[in-house]
């Protein structure tokens, strides 16, 4: 988008050609930056965790080195359901304006 104002030279636009009276008409322009801080606060909420077995367990038996004992290892695949609710809260602060050197019309 093209700026509709002429390029500024020391804050002054070239004189308009329509000047009434004996003086010279000048128009001053001012650049300004306007800021608005927005604070964002994330949030999470953990729901009820649930588990369920998936398939059948496997059983492995291992004889210990002394030959007198054995070890049984039972392995079960499970599905863990972990519901998480994500949210965000945004709060706008007070706007702030910063001007460059001031020029008047």
N, C-alpha and C. Protein backbone atom coordinates (compact mmCIF):
# COMPACT_ATOMS: atom_id res chain seq x y z
N UNK A 1 0.85 -1.17 0.00
CA UNK A 1 0.00 0.00 0.00
C UNK A 1 0.89 1.23 0.00
N UNK A 2 0.60 2.19 -0.87
CA UNK A 2 1.40 3.40 -1.00
C UNK A 2 0.93 4.43 0.03
N UNK A 3 1.89 5.10 0.66
CA UNK A 3 1.58 6.13 1.64
C UNK A 3 1.01 7.35 0.91
N UNK A 4 -0.13 7.86 1.39
CA UNK A 4 -0.77 9.00 0.72
C UNK A 4 -0.12 10.34 1.08
N UNK A 5 0.76 10.34 2.10
CA UNK A 5 1.44 11.58 2.47
C UNK A 5 2.76 11.68 1.72
N UNK A 6 3.18 12.92 1.45
CA UNK A 6 4.49 13.13 0.83
C UNK A 6 5.57 12.71 1.82
N UNK A 7 6.73 12.38 1.32
CA UNK A 7 7.83 12.09 2.25
C UNK A 7 8.09 13.32 3.12
N UNK A 8 8.32 13.08 4.38
CA UNK A 8 8.53 14.20 5.31
C UNK A 8 9.98 14.66 5.29
N UNK A 9 10.18 15.95 5.28
CA UNK A 9 11.50 16.56 5.41
C UNK A 9 11.42 17.45 6.63
N UNK A 10 12.09 17.06 7.69
CA UNK A 10 12.01 17.77 8.97
C UNK A 10 10.56 17.94 9.42
N UNK A 11 9.71 16.96 9.14
CA UNK A 11 8.33 17.00 9.62
C UNK A 11 7.43 17.94 8.83
N UNK A 12 7.89 18.52 7.72
CA UNK A 12 7.09 19.48 6.97
C UNK A 12 6.84 18.95 5.56
N UNK A 13 5.58 19.02 5.14
CA UNK A 13 5.20 18.68 3.78
C UNK A 13 5.37 19.93 2.92
N UNK A 14 5.72 19.81 1.64
CA UNK A 14 5.83 21.00 0.79
C UNK A 14 4.56 21.84 0.83
N UNK A 15 4.71 23.14 0.67
CA UNK A 15 3.58 24.07 0.78
C UNK A 15 2.51 23.76 -0.25
N UNK A 16 1.24 23.87 0.20
CA UNK A 16 0.12 23.73 -0.72
C UNK A 16 0.10 24.96 -1.63
N UNK A 17 -0.41 24.79 -2.85
CA UNK A 17 -0.43 25.91 -3.80
C UNK A 17 -1.55 26.89 -3.49
N UNK A 18 -2.62 26.44 -2.85
CA UNK A 18 -3.74 27.34 -2.54
C UNK A 18 -3.46 28.00 -1.19
N UNK A 19 -2.97 29.22 -1.21
CA UNK A 19 -2.62 29.93 0.02
C UNK A 19 -3.35 31.26 0.04
N UNK A 20 -4.23 31.45 0.99
CA UNK A 20 -4.94 32.72 1.07
C UNK A 20 -4.17 33.69 1.95
N UNK A 21 -4.28 34.97 1.69
CA UNK A 21 -3.60 35.99 2.48
C UNK A 21 -2.17 36.18 2.01
N UNK A 22 -1.40 36.87 2.85
CA UNK A 22 -0.03 37.20 2.48
C UNK A 22 0.99 36.14 2.93
N UNK A 23 0.54 35.17 3.70
CA UNK A 23 1.49 34.20 4.25
C UNK A 23 1.67 32.98 3.38
N UNK A 24 2.47 32.11 3.85
CA UNK A 24 2.76 30.85 3.17
C UNK A 24 2.18 29.73 4.03
N UNK A 25 1.38 28.89 3.44
CA UNK A 25 0.73 27.81 4.16
C UNK A 25 1.64 26.58 4.22
N UNK A 26 1.86 26.12 5.40
CA UNK A 26 2.63 24.89 5.62
C UNK A 26 1.77 23.96 6.48
N UNK A 27 1.90 22.68 6.23
CA UNK A 27 1.16 21.70 7.03
C UNK A 27 2.16 20.76 7.66
N UNK A 28 2.06 20.59 8.95
CA UNK A 28 2.96 19.68 9.66
C UNK A 28 2.29 18.34 9.88
N UNK A 29 3.11 17.30 9.87
CA UNK A 29 2.63 15.94 10.11
C UNK A 29 3.46 15.31 11.20
N UNK A 30 2.86 14.39 11.91
CA UNK A 30 3.54 13.75 13.02
C UNK A 30 3.40 12.24 12.89
N UNK A 31 4.51 11.53 12.99
CA UNK A 31 4.46 10.09 13.06
C UNK A 31 4.20 9.69 14.51
N UNK A 32 3.48 8.62 14.69
CA UNK A 32 3.23 8.11 16.04
C UNK A 32 3.22 6.59 15.97
N UNK A 33 3.70 5.98 17.02
CA UNK A 33 3.61 4.53 17.17
C UNK A 33 2.66 4.26 18.31
N UNK A 34 1.69 3.41 18.05
CA UNK A 34 0.70 3.08 19.06
C UNK A 34 0.86 1.61 19.41
N UNK A 35 0.98 1.32 20.69
CA UNK A 35 1.20 -0.05 21.16
C UNK A 35 0.08 -0.46 22.09
N UNK A 36 -0.27 -1.72 22.03
CA UNK A 36 -1.25 -2.29 22.95
C UNK A 36 -0.69 -3.61 23.45
N UNK A 37 -0.26 -3.65 24.71
CA UNK A 37 0.25 -4.91 25.24
C UNK A 37 -0.91 -5.88 25.52
N UNK A 38 -0.71 -7.13 25.18
CA UNK A 38 -1.70 -8.16 25.46
C UNK A 38 -1.00 -9.26 26.23
N UNK A 39 -1.48 -9.53 27.43
CA UNK A 39 -0.91 -10.58 28.27
C UNK A 39 -1.67 -11.87 28.01
N UNK A 40 -0.93 -12.93 27.72
CA UNK A 40 -1.53 -14.22 27.44
C UNK A 40 -1.12 -15.19 28.54
N UNK A 41 -2.12 -15.79 29.16
CA UNK A 41 -1.87 -16.74 30.24
C UNK A 41 -2.40 -18.11 29.82
N UNK A 42 -1.47 -19.06 29.58
CA UNK A 42 -1.93 -20.38 29.19
C UNK A 42 -2.43 -21.17 30.40
N UNK A 43 -3.28 -22.13 30.14
CA UNK A 43 -3.79 -22.96 31.21
C UNK A 43 -4.02 -24.38 30.73
N UNK A 44 -3.84 -25.33 31.61
CA UNK A 44 -4.14 -26.73 31.32
C UNK A 44 -4.84 -27.34 32.51
N UNK A 45 -5.70 -28.29 32.23
CA UNK A 45 -6.40 -29.00 33.29
C UNK A 45 -6.38 -30.48 32.93
N UNK A 46 -5.91 -31.28 33.84
CA UNK A 46 -5.80 -32.71 33.63
C UNK A 46 -7.11 -33.37 34.06
N UNK A 47 -7.66 -34.20 33.19
CA UNK A 47 -8.89 -34.94 33.51
C UNK A 47 -8.58 -36.24 34.23
N UNK A 48 -9.59 -37.09 34.35
CA UNK A 48 -9.42 -38.38 35.01
C UNK A 48 -8.67 -39.32 34.08
N UNK A 49 -7.57 -39.87 34.57
CA UNK A 49 -6.77 -40.80 33.80
C UNK A 49 -7.38 -42.19 33.93
N UNK A 50 -7.54 -42.87 32.79
CA UNK A 50 -8.12 -44.22 32.78
C UNK A 50 -7.19 -45.15 32.03
N UNK A 51 -7.17 -46.41 32.45
CA UNK A 51 -6.36 -47.42 31.78
C UNK A 51 -7.22 -48.62 31.44
N UNK A 52 -6.83 -49.34 30.40
CA UNK A 52 -7.48 -50.60 30.07
C UNK A 52 -6.45 -51.52 29.45
N UNK A 53 -6.65 -52.80 29.66
CA UNK A 53 -5.74 -53.80 29.11
C UNK A 53 -5.98 -53.95 27.62
N UNK A 54 -4.91 -54.18 26.89
CA UNK A 54 -4.98 -54.40 25.44
C UNK A 54 -4.41 -55.79 25.16
N UNK A 55 -5.25 -56.68 24.75
CA UNK A 55 -4.80 -58.04 24.43
C UNK A 55 -4.53 -58.86 25.67
N UNK A 56 -3.93 -60.02 25.43
CA UNK A 56 -3.63 -60.95 26.52
C UNK A 56 -2.22 -60.73 27.05
N UNK A 57 -1.98 -61.01 28.33
CA UNK A 57 -0.63 -60.89 28.88
C UNK A 57 0.26 -62.03 28.38
N UNK A 58 1.56 -61.78 28.43
CA UNK A 58 2.52 -62.84 28.13
C UNK A 58 3.21 -63.24 29.43
N UNK A 59 3.54 -64.52 29.54
CA UNK A 59 4.19 -65.03 30.75
C UNK A 59 5.47 -65.73 30.32
N UNK A 60 6.56 -65.33 30.95
CA UNK A 60 7.85 -65.97 30.69
C UNK A 60 8.39 -66.50 32.01
N UNK A 61 8.93 -67.68 31.96
CA UNK A 61 9.49 -68.30 33.15
C UNK A 61 10.98 -68.51 32.92
N UNK A 62 11.77 -68.15 33.89
CA UNK A 62 13.22 -68.27 33.77
C UNK A 62 13.74 -68.99 35.02
N UNK A 63 14.55 -69.97 34.81
CA UNK A 63 15.14 -70.71 35.93
C UNK A 63 16.38 -69.97 36.39
N UNK A 64 16.48 -69.77 37.68
CA UNK A 64 17.62 -69.06 38.25
C UNK A 64 18.87 -69.94 38.17
N UNK A 65 20.03 -69.31 38.30
CA UNK A 65 21.32 -69.99 38.15
C UNK A 65 21.52 -71.13 39.14
N UNK A 66 20.95 -70.98 40.34
CA UNK A 66 21.16 -72.04 41.34
C UNK A 66 20.31 -73.28 41.05
N UNK A 67 19.39 -73.18 40.10
CA UNK A 67 18.55 -74.30 39.73
C UNK A 67 17.47 -74.62 40.74
N UNK A 68 17.41 -73.86 41.81
CA UNK A 68 16.45 -74.13 42.88
C UNK A 68 15.22 -73.21 42.78
N UNK A 69 15.41 -72.11 42.10
CA UNK A 69 14.32 -71.14 42.02
C UNK A 69 14.04 -70.79 40.57
N UNK A 70 12.86 -70.17 40.36
CA UNK A 70 12.56 -69.67 39.02
C UNK A 70 11.92 -68.29 39.17
N UNK A 71 11.99 -67.56 38.08
CA UNK A 71 11.44 -66.20 38.06
C UNK A 71 10.36 -66.15 36.99
N UNK A 72 9.21 -65.59 37.34
CA UNK A 72 8.10 -65.45 36.40
C UNK A 72 7.97 -63.98 36.04
N UNK A 73 7.95 -63.68 34.74
CA UNK A 73 7.79 -62.30 34.27
C UNK A 73 6.48 -62.23 33.50
N UNK A 74 5.57 -61.40 33.97
CA UNK A 74 4.28 -61.21 33.32
C UNK A 74 4.29 -59.83 32.68
N UNK A 75 3.98 -59.77 31.38
CA UNK A 75 3.97 -58.51 30.66
C UNK A 75 2.58 -58.28 30.08
N UNK A 76 2.07 -57.10 30.31
CA UNK A 76 0.73 -56.75 29.80
C UNK A 76 0.80 -55.40 29.10
N UNK A 77 0.31 -55.31 27.89
CA UNK A 77 0.22 -54.05 27.18
C UNK A 77 -1.06 -53.36 27.66
N UNK A 78 -0.94 -52.08 28.00
CA UNK A 78 -2.11 -51.32 28.46
C UNK A 78 -2.26 -50.04 27.63
N UNK A 79 -3.47 -49.54 27.59
CA UNK A 79 -3.77 -48.27 26.94
C UNK A 79 -4.09 -47.26 28.05
N UNK A 80 -3.41 -46.14 28.02
CA UNK A 80 -3.62 -45.11 29.04
C UNK A 80 -4.30 -43.91 28.39
N UNK A 81 -5.47 -43.56 28.90
CA UNK A 81 -6.22 -42.42 28.38
C UNK A 81 -5.98 -41.23 29.31
N UNK A 82 -5.36 -40.16 28.77
CA UNK A 82 -5.01 -38.98 29.57
C UNK A 82 -5.68 -37.76 28.93
N UNK A 83 -6.85 -37.38 29.40
CA UNK A 83 -7.50 -36.19 28.84
C UNK A 83 -6.88 -34.91 29.41
N UNK A 84 -6.53 -34.00 28.49
CA UNK A 84 -5.95 -32.71 28.89
C UNK A 84 -6.77 -31.61 28.21
N UNK A 85 -7.21 -30.64 28.99
CA UNK A 85 -7.95 -29.50 28.46
C UNK A 85 -7.00 -28.30 28.41
N UNK A 86 -6.80 -27.76 27.20
CA UNK A 86 -5.93 -26.60 27.01
C UNK A 86 -6.79 -25.35 26.89
N UNK A 87 -6.32 -24.26 27.48
CA UNK A 87 -7.04 -22.99 27.37
C UNK A 87 -6.04 -21.84 27.40
N UNK A 88 -6.53 -20.68 27.06
CA UNK A 88 -5.70 -19.48 27.12
C UNK A 88 -6.60 -18.31 27.49
N UNK A 89 -6.06 -17.43 28.31
CA UNK A 89 -6.77 -16.22 28.70
C UNK A 89 -5.95 -15.03 28.23
N UNK A 90 -6.58 -14.12 27.49
CA UNK A 90 -5.88 -12.93 27.00
C UNK A 90 -6.48 -11.69 27.67
N UNK A 91 -5.59 -10.81 28.09
CA UNK A 91 -6.02 -9.58 28.77
C UNK A 91 -5.27 -8.41 28.15
N UNK A 92 -6.02 -7.46 27.61
CA UNK A 92 -5.41 -6.28 26.99
C UNK A 92 -5.03 -5.27 28.07
N UNK A 93 -3.85 -4.72 27.93
CA UNK A 93 -3.39 -3.69 28.85
C UNK A 93 -3.79 -2.30 28.36
N UNK A 94 -3.15 -1.28 28.89
CA UNK A 94 -3.44 0.09 28.50
C UNK A 94 -2.59 0.45 27.28
N UNK A 95 -3.25 1.06 26.28
CA UNK A 95 -2.52 1.44 25.08
C UNK A 95 -1.54 2.56 25.39
N UNK A 96 -0.52 2.68 24.54
CA UNK A 96 0.52 3.68 24.75
C UNK A 96 0.85 4.29 23.40
N UNK A 97 1.00 5.60 23.37
CA UNK A 97 1.35 6.30 22.15
C UNK A 97 2.69 6.98 22.34
N UNK A 98 3.58 6.79 21.37
CA UNK A 98 4.87 7.46 21.39
C UNK A 98 5.00 8.27 20.12
N UNK A 99 5.25 9.57 20.26
CA UNK A 99 5.37 10.46 19.11
C UNK A 99 6.82 10.81 18.88
N UNK A 100 7.16 11.06 17.61
CA UNK A 100 8.46 11.61 17.28
C UNK A 100 8.43 13.10 17.62
N UNK A 101 9.39 13.88 17.17
CA UNK A 101 9.40 15.32 17.44
C UNK A 101 8.07 15.93 17.02
N UNK A 102 7.54 16.78 17.85
CA UNK A 102 6.21 17.35 17.63
C UNK A 102 6.23 18.47 16.60
N UNK A 103 5.28 18.41 15.70
CA UNK A 103 5.12 19.48 14.69
C UNK A 103 3.66 19.91 14.71
N UNK A 104 3.40 21.17 14.53
CA UNK A 104 2.03 21.67 14.55
C UNK A 104 1.66 22.22 13.18
N UNK A 105 0.35 22.28 12.92
CA UNK A 105 -0.14 22.81 11.65
C UNK A 105 -0.14 24.32 11.68
